[in-house]
Amino acid sequence: MRTTSELVARAATLAARGGGSSRGSRRILGIAGPPGAGKSTLAARLAEALGPDTAVVVPMDGFHLAQAELARLGRADRKGAPDTFDAAGYVALLRRLRGSDAATVYAPAFDRSIEEPVAGSIRVDPGVPLVITEGNYLLHDEGEWASVRPLLDEAWYLAPAEELRVRRLVDRHVRHGKDREYARAWVTRSDEPNARLVAPGRHRADLVVDPG
């Protein structure tokens, strides 16, 4: 198991390679893994350790389709599946982040209190050398998702113990308002099929991490 300090040091090395003001000098670190693996927690820890002038977190979850659109498409009961995101929009943002650090870029976030994406929530200032992006499908190789991996300078895959991951996932749903029995049913019906889709991406990662 790698320590947080070791992971921070690795991210800092990547950020150092993204310094300077030349076009395309920014680096992107992707953190992938199944639902409940601890991706957002690790990304936040890295960004906090490196500081806001060095790293900003831009999560994939900001590209969730709105609940009304999921309902219109008949996909609301599968929220979190690959086709419930604007994958092309996410790819376009990554390309923009890679292509220039001469202008401020605003990225969307996902507000779990309302279960909706919120546009323009995350500011990526010019000169920030490292963007940390995290999400389930960064290493997925179908459809628009296949365009994500080539845009990442480095990709990590989080692989905690399965029992711990599922327990954390249920607890997270409960914290955000779901009844515990409903949360367990949702994990079985929705999150675990998505986890099985994510798993093959493990071999496309530069580093596999057991976050503990």
C-alpha atoms as a PDB file:
ATOM      1  CA  MET A   1       0.000   0.000   0.000  1.00  0.00           C
ATOM      2  CA  ARG A   2       1.382   3.405  -0.978  1.00  0.00           C
ATOM      3  CA  THR A   3       1.245   6.163   1.604  1.00  0.00           C
ATOM      4  CA  THR A   4      -0.462   9.483   0.978  1.00  0.00           C
ATOM      5  CA  SER A   5       2.922  11.210   1.174  1.00  0.00           C
ATOM      6  CA  GLU A   6       4.280   8.959  -1.592  1.00  0.00           C
ATOM      7  CA  LEU A   7       1.291   9.756  -3.787  1.00  0.00           C
ATOM      8  CA  VAL A   8       1.633  13.486  -3.086  1.00  0.00           C
ATOM      9  CA  ALA A   9       5.299  13.312  -4.081  1.00  0.00           C
ATOM     10  CA  ARG A  10       4.402  11.550  -7.338  1.00  0.00           C
ATOM     11  CA  ALA A  11       1.738  14.142  -8.119  1.00  0.00           C
ATOM     12  CA  ALA A  12       4.189  16.949  -7.295  1.00  0.00           C
ATOM     13  CA  THR A  13       6.687  15.515  -9.779  1.00  0.00           C
ATOM     14  CA  LEU A  14       3.999  15.502 -12.458  1.00  0.00           C
ATOM     15  CA  ALA A  15       3.057  19.090 -11.595  1.00  0.00           C
ATOM     16  CA  ALA A  16       6.690  20.154 -11.878  1.00  0.00           C
ATOM     17  CA  ARG A  17       6.746  18.822 -15.434  1.00  0.00           C
ATOM     18  CA  GLY A  18       3.712  21.009 -16.152  1.00  0.00           C
ATOM     19  CA  GLY A  19       5.294  24.270 -15.037  1.00  0.00           C
ATOM     20  CA  GLY A  20       5.926  27.231 -17.266  1.00  0.00           C
ATOM     21  CA  SER A  21       3.753  29.320 -19.518  1.00  0.00           C
ATOM     22  CA  SER A  22       4.085  27.548 -22.864  1.00  0.00           C
ATOM     23  CA  ARG A  23       0.978  26.330 -24.659  1.00  0.00           C
ATOM     24  CA  GLY A  24      -0.005  22.831 -23.588  1.00  0.00           C
ATOM     25  CA  SER A  25       2.338  22.765 -20.598  1.00  0.00           C
ATOM     26  CA  ARG A  26      -0.368  21.865 -18.061  1.00  0.00           C
ATOM     27  CA  ARG A  27      -0.450  18.232 -16.952  1.00  0.00           C
ATOM     28  CA  ILE A  28      -3.551  16.150 -16.157  1.00  0.00           C
ATOM     29  CA  LEU A  29      -3.600  13.382 -13.565  1.00  0.00           C
ATOM     30  CA  GLY A  30      -6.574  11.032 -13.780  1.00  0.00           C
ATOM     31  CA  ILE A  31      -7.797   9.012 -10.793  1.00  0.00           C
ATOM     32  CA  ALA A  32     -10.151   6.201 -11.808  1.00  0.00           C
ATOM     33  CA  GLY A  33     -11.817   3.302 -10.062  1.00  0.00           C
ATOM     34  CA  PRO A  34     -15.206   1.807  -9.229  1.00  0.00           C
ATOM     35  CA  PRO A  35     -17.927   3.642  -7.281  1.00  0.00           C
ATOM     36  CA  GLY A  36     -16.946   4.080  -3.636  1.00  0.00           C
ATOM     37  CA  ALA A  37     -13.217   3.532  -4.225  1.00  0.00           C
ATOM     38  CA  GLY A  38     -12.235   6.848  -2.626  1.00  0.00           C
ATOM     39  CA  LYS A  39     -11.377   8.794  -5.775  1.00  0.00           C
ATOM     40  CA  SER A  40     -12.738  12.174  -4.670  1.00  0.00           C
ATOM     41  CA  THR A  41     -11.171  11.799  -1.212  1.00  0.00           C
ATOM     42  CA  LEU A  42      -7.715  11.108  -2.627  1.00  0.00           C
ATOM     43  CA  ALA A  43      -8.017  13.883  -5.217  1.00  0.00           C
ATOM     44  CA  ALA A  44      -8.949  16.384  -2.507  1.00  0.00           C
ATOM     45  CA  ARG A  45      -6.020  15.290  -0.321  1.00  0.00           C
ATOM     46  CA  LEU A  46      -3.571  15.680  -3.176  1.00  0.00           C
ATOM     47  CA  ALA A  47      -4.879  19.130  -4.091  1.00  0.00           C
ATOM     48  CA  GLU A  48      -4.786  20.280  -0.474  1.00  0.00           C
ATOM     49  CA  ALA A  49      -1.211  19.059  -0.041  1.00  0.00           C
ATOM     50  CA  LEU A  50      -0.001  20.664  -3.271  1.00  0.00           C
ATOM     51  CA  GLY A  51      -1.878  23.938  -2.777  1.00  0.00           C
ATOM     52  CA  PRO A  52      -4.252  25.903  -5.058  1.00  0.00           C
ATOM     53  CA  ASP A  53      -1.447  27.474  -7.090  1.00  0.00           C
ATOM     54  CA  THR A  54      -0.263  24.007  -8.092  1.00  0.00           C
ATOM     55  CA  ALA A  55      -3.314  21.759  -8.427  1.00  0.00           C
ATOM     56  CA  VAL A  56      -7.070  21.992  -9.002  1.00  0.00           C
ATOM     57  CA  VAL A  57      -9.564  19.109  -8.907  1.00  0.00           C
ATOM     58  CA  VAL A  58     -11.966  18.858 -11.864  1.00  0.00           C
ATOM     59  CA  PRO A  59     -14.278  15.863 -11.315  1.00  0.00           C
ATOM     60  CA  MET A  60     -15.887  13.849 -14.081  1.00  0.00           C
ATOM     61  CA  ASP A  61     -19.155  13.939 -12.113  1.00  0.00           C
ATOM     62  CA  GLY A  62     -19.730  17.550 -13.179  1.00  0.00           C
ATOM     63  CA  PHE A  63     -20.777  16.043 -16.500  1.00  0.00           C
ATOM     64  CA  HIS A  64     -23.741  14.078 -15.119  1.00  0.00           C
ATOM     65  CA  LEU A  65     -26.792  14.743 -17.250  1.00  0.00           C
ATOM     66  CA  ALA A  66     -29.440  16.758 -15.393  1.00  0.00           C
ATOM     67  CA  GLN A  67     -32.136  14.761 -13.635  1.00  0.00           C
ATOM     68  CA  ALA A  68     -34.822  16.114 -15.978  1.00  0.00           C
ATOM     69  CA  GLU A  69     -32.852  14.951 -19.011  1.00  0.00           C
ATOM     70  CA  LEU A  70     -32.274  11.512 -17.465  1.00  0.00           C
ATOM     71  CA  ALA A  71     -36.017  11.234 -16.874  1.00  0.00           C
ATOM     72  CA  ARG A  72     -36.738  12.279 -20.472  1.00  0.00           C
ATOM     73  CA  LEU A  73     -34.327   9.627 -21.747  1.00  0.00           C
ATOM     74  CA  GLY A  74     -35.684   6.955 -19.398  1.00  0.00           C
ATOM     75  CA  ARG A  75     -32.313   6.560 -17.661  1.00  0.00           C
ATOM     76  CA  ALA A  76     -32.993   8.037 -14.210  1.00  0.00           C
ATOM     77  CA  ASP A  77     -32.998   4.602 -12.577  1.00  0.00           C
ATOM     78  CA  ARG A  78     -29.502   3.968 -14.014  1.00  0.00           C
ATOM     79  CA  LYS A  79     -27.908   7.250 -12.947  1.00  0.00           C
ATOM     80  CA  GLY A  80     -24.141   6.741 -12.867  1.00  0.00           C
ATOM     81  CA  ALA A  81     -23.986   4.440 -15.915  1.00  0.00           C
ATOM     82  CA  PRO A  82     -21.715   5.535 -18.787  1.00  0.00           C
ATOM     83  CA  ASP A  83     -24.605   6.834 -20.912  1.00  0.00           C
ATOM     84  CA  THR A  84     -25.892   9.091 -18.117  1.00  0.00           C
ATOM     85  CA  PHE A  85     -22.986  11.529 -18.586  1.00  0.00           C
ATOM     86  CA  ASP A  86     -22.058  14.052 -21.250  1.00  0.00           C
ATOM     87  CA  ALA A  87     -18.864  12.195 -22.112  1.00  0.00           C
ATOM     88  CA  ALA A  88     -18.178  14.322 -25.204  1.00  0.00           C
ATOM     89  CA  GLY A  89     -18.432  17.477 -23.100  1.00  0.00           C
ATOM     90  CA  TYR A  90     -15.967  16.061 -20.576  1.00  0.00           C
ATOM     91  CA  VAL A  91     -13.503  15.191 -23.335  1.00  0.00           C
ATOM     92  CA  ALA A  92     -13.844  18.696 -24.784  1.00  0.00           C
ATOM     93  CA  LEU A  93     -13.026  20.218 -21.389  1.00  0.00           C
ATOM     94  CA  LEU A  94      -9.941  18.023 -20.969  1.00  0.00           C
ATOM     95  CA  ARG A  95      -8.733  19.081 -24.408  1.00  0.00           C
ATOM     96  CA  ARG A  96      -9.260  22.719 -23.486  1.00  0.00           C
ATOM     97  CA  LEU A  97      -7.356  22.276 -20.230  1.00  0.00           C
ATOM     98  CA  ARG A  98      -4.467  20.592 -22.039  1.00  0.00           C
ATOM     99  CA  GLY A  99      -4.385  22.993 -24.942  1.00  0.00           C
ATOM    100  CA  SER A 100      -3.765  26.294 -23.192  1.00  0.00           C
ATOM    101  CA  ASP A 101      -3.052  27.810 -19.814  1.00  0.00           C
ATOM    102  CA  ALA A 102      -3.399  31.372 -21.118  1.00  0.00           C
ATOM    103  CA  ALA A 103      -6.998  31.860 -19.952  1.00  0.00           C
ATOM    104  CA  THR A 104      -9.140  30.972 -16.964  1.00  0.00           C
ATOM    105  CA  VAL A 105     -11.249  27.869 -17.510  1.00  0.00           C
ATOM    106  CA  TYR A 106     -14.466  27.226 -15.593  1.00  0.00           C
ATOM    107  CA  ALA A 107     -15.551  23.625 -15.060  1.00  0.00           C
ATOM    108  CA  PRO A 108     -18.784  22.137 -13.694  1.00  0.00           C
ATOM    109  CA  ALA A 109     -19.123  20.377 -10.351  1.00  0.00           C
ATOM    110  CA  PHE A 110     -21.688  17.889  -9.048  1.00  0.00           C
ATOM    111  CA  ASP A 111     -23.706  18.935  -6.008  1.00  0.00           C
ATOM    112  CA  ARG A 112     -24.688  15.793  -4.109  1.00  0.00           C
ATOM    113  CA  SER A 113     -27.098  17.740  -1.894  1.00  0.00           C
ATOM    114  CA  ILE A 114     -29.345  18.305  -4.929  1.00  0.00           C
ATOM    115  CA  GLU A 115     -28.014  15.458  -7.112  1.00  0.00           C
ATOM    116  CA  GLU A 116     -27.400  17.833 -10.009  1.00  0.00           C
ATOM    117  CA  PRO A 117     -24.417  19.221 -11.950  1.00  0.00           C
ATOM    118  CA  VAL A 118     -23.696  22.921 -11.472  1.00  0.00           C
ATOM    119  CA  ALA A 119     -21.992  24.769 -14.330  1.00  0.00           C
ATOM    120  CA  GLY A 120     -19.105  27.179 -13.837  1.00  0.00           C
ATOM    121  CA  SER A 121     -18.333  26.008 -10.298  1.00  0.00           C
ATOM    122  CA  ILE A 122     -14.609  25.247 -10.516  1.00  0.00           C
ATOM    123  CA  ARG A 123     -12.066  27.869 -11.561  1.00  0.00           C
ATOM    124  CA  VAL A 124      -8.814  26.753 -13.158  1.00  0.00           C
ATOM    125  CA  ASP A 125      -6.560  29.778 -13.259  1.00  0.00           C
ATOM    126  CA  PRO A 126      -3.913  30.396 -15.912  1.00  0.00           C
ATOM    127  CA  GLY A 127      -0.570  28.898 -14.939  1.00  0.00           C
ATOM    128  CA  VAL A 128      -1.923  26.164 -12.643  1.00  0.00           C
ATOM    129  CA  PRO A 129       0.363  23.307 -13.723  1.00  0.00           C
ATOM    130  CA  LEU A 130      -1.714  20.316 -12.645  1.00  0.00           C
ATOM    131  CA  VAL A 131      -5.357  19.367 -13.024  1.00  0.00           C
ATOM    132  CA  ILE A 132      -6.491  16.324 -11.030  1.00  0.00           C
ATOM    133  CA  THR A 133      -9.568  14.758 -12.562  1.00  0.00           C
ATOM    134  CA  GLU A 134     -11.356  11.804 -11.028  1.00  0.00           C
ATOM    135  CA  GLY A 135     -14.246   9.550 -11.946  1.00  0.00           C
ATOM    136  CA  ASN A 136     -15.429   6.072 -12.762  1.00  0.00           C
ATOM    137  CA  TYR A 137     -14.914   6.014 -16.515  1.00  0.00           C
ATOM    138  CA  LEU A 138     -11.551   7.665 -17.158  1.00  0.00           C
ATOM    139  CA  LEU A 139     -10.145   4.315 -18.335  1.00  0.00           C
ATOM    140  CA  HIS A 140     -13.315   3.054 -20.034  1.00  0.00           C
ATOM    141  CA  ASP A 141     -12.683   2.198 -23.689  1.00  0.00           C
ATOM    142  CA  GLU A 142     -16.153   2.469 -25.252  1.00  0.00           C
ATOM    143  CA  GLY A 143     -17.691   5.376 -27.163  1.00  0.00           C
ATOM    144  CA  GLU A 144     -16.574   8.898 -26.303  1.00  0.00           C
ATOM    145  CA  TRP A 145     -14.950   7.590 -23.110  1.00  0.00           C
ATOM    146  CA  ALA A 146     -12.164   6.007 -25.171  1.00  0.00           C
ATOM    147  CA  SER A 147     -10.888   9.536 -25.908  1.00  0.00           C
ATOM    148  CA  VAL A 148     -10.195  10.284 -22.223  1.00  0.00           C
ATOM    149  CA  ARG A 149      -7.132   8.103 -21.554  1.00  0.00           C
ATOM    150  CA  PRO A 150      -4.934   9.682 -24.271  1.00  0.00           C
ATOM    151  CA  LEU A 151      -5.583  13.096 -22.679  1.00  0.00           C
ATOM    152  CA  LEU A 152      -4.218  12.010 -19.280  1.00  0.00           C
ATOM    153  CA  ASP A 153      -0.505  12.404 -18.609  1.00  0.00           C
ATOM    154  CA  GLU A 154      -0.805   9.814 -15.862  1.00  0.00           C
ATOM    155  CA  ALA A 155      -3.670   7.586 -14.712  1.00  0.00           C
ATOM    156  CA  TRP A 156      -4.114   5.909 -11.340  1.00  0.00           C
ATOM    157  CA  TYR A 157      -6.636   3.177 -10.563  1.00  0.00           C
ATOM    158  CA  LEU A 158      -7.932   2.840  -7.003  1.00  0.00           C
ATOM    159  CA  ALA A 159      -8.593  -0.743  -5.889  1.00  0.00           C
ATOM    160  CA  PRO A 160      -9.672  -0.959  -2.242  1.00  0.00           C
ATOM    161  CA  ALA A 161     -10.945  -4.157  -0.636  1.00  0.00           C
ATOM    162  CA  GLU A 162     -14.384  -4.892  -2.093  1.00  0.00           C
ATOM    163  CA  GLU A 163     -16.187  -5.251   1.238  1.00  0.00           C
ATOM    164  CA  LEU A 164     -14.835  -1.911   2.424  1.00  0.00           C
ATOM    165  CA  ARG A 165     -15.702  -0.210  -0.861  1.00  0.00           C
ATOM    166  CA  VAL A 166     -19.322  -1.396  -0.830  1.00  0.00           C
ATOM    167  CA  ARG A 167     -19.756  -0.426   2.813  1.00  0.00           C
ATOM    168  CA  ARG A 168     -18.431   3.064   2.124  1.00  0.00           C
ATOM    169  CA  LEU A 169     -20.720   3.357  -0.860  1.00  0.00           C
ATOM    170  CA  VAL A 170     -23.837   2.463   1.134  1.00  0.00           C
ATOM    171  CA  ASP A 171     -22.808   4.874   3.896  1.00  0.00           C
ATOM    172  CA  ARG A 172     -22.324   7.659   1.351  1.00  0.00           C
ATOM    173  CA  HIS A 173     -25.811   7.180  -0.069  1.00  0.00           C
ATOM    174  CA  VAL A 174     -27.242   7.261   3.456  1.00  0.00           C
ATOM    175  CA  ARG A 175     -25.377  10.506   4.241  1.00  0.00           C
ATOM    176  CA  HIS A 176     -26.988  12.060   1.207  1.00  0.00           C
ATOM    177  CA  GLY A 177     -30.518  11.177   2.244  1.00  0.00           C
ATOM    178  CA  LYS A 178     -31.270   7.636   1.159  1.00  0.00           C
ATOM    179  CA  ASP A 179     -32.810   5.091   3.551  1.00  0.00           C
ATOM    180  CA  ARG A 180     -30.222   2.398   4.342  1.00  0.00           C
ATOM    181  CA  GLU A 181     -32.232  -0.449   2.808  1.00  0.00           C
ATOM    182  CA  TYR A 182     -32.858   1.621  -0.312  1.00  0.00           C
ATOM    183  CA  ALA A 183     -29.156   2.503  -0.421  1.00  0.00           C
ATOM    184  CA  ARG A 184     -28.171  -1.177  -0.313  1.00  0.00           C
ATOM    185  CA  ALA A 185     -30.654  -1.965  -3.094  1.00  0.00           C
ATOM    186  CA  TRP A 186     -29.347   0.933  -5.208  1.00  0.00           C
ATOM    187  CA  VAL A 187     -25.754  -0.243  -4.789  1.00  0.00           C
ATOM    188  CA  THR A 188     -26.702  -3.757  -5.906  1.00  0.00           C
ATOM    189  CA  ARG A 189     -28.875  -2.628  -8.818  1.00  0.00           C
ATOM    190  CA  SER A 190     -26.874   0.336 -10.133  1.00  0.00           C
ATOM    191  CA  ASP A 191     -23.436   0.880  -8.611  1.00  0.00           C
ATOM    192  CA  GLU A 192     -22.166  -2.697  -8.810  1.00  0.00           C
ATOM    193  CA  PRO A 193     -22.974  -3.194 -12.516  1.00  0.00           C
ATOM    194  CA  ASN A 194     -21.076   0.058 -13.105  1.00  0.00           C
ATOM    195  CA  ALA A 195     -18.175  -1.246 -11.019  1.00  0.00           C
ATOM    196  CA  ARG A 196     -17.968  -4.294 -13.289  1.00  0.00           C
ATOM    197  CA  LEU A 197     -17.786  -1.994 -16.322  1.00  0.00           C
ATOM    198  CA  VAL A 198     -14.975  -0.003 -14.723  1.00  0.00           C
ATOM    199  CA  ALA A 199     -12.825  -2.978 -13.679  1.00  0.00           C
ATOM    200  CA  PRO A 200     -11.263  -3.775 -17.106  1.00  0.00           C
ATOM    201  CA  GLY A 201      -9.741  -0.281 -17.166  1.00  0.00           C
ATOM    202  CA  ARG A 202      -7.369  -1.266 -14.400  1.00  0.00           C
ATOM    203  CA  HIS A 203      -4.740  -2.538 -16.853  1.00  0.00           C
ATOM    204  CA  ARG A 204      -4.674   0.850 -18.631  1.00  0.00           C
ATOM    205  CA  ALA A 205      -3.509   2.646 -15.481  1.00  0.00           C
ATOM    206  CA  ASP A 206       0.074   3.701 -14.778  1.00  0.00           C
ATOM    207  CA  LEU A 207      -0.379   2.940 -11.083  1.00  0.00           C
ATOM    208  CA  VAL A 208      -2.784   0.756  -9.101  1.00  0.00           C
ATOM    209  CA  VAL A 209      -3.400   2.036  -5.573  1.00  0.00           C
ATOM    210  CA  ASP A 210      -5.003   0.378  -2.564  1.00  0.00           C
ATOM    211  CA  PRO A 211      -6.231   3.472  -0.703  1.00  0.00           C
ATOM    212  CA  GLY A 212      -6.986   1.458   2.437  1.00  0.00           C
END
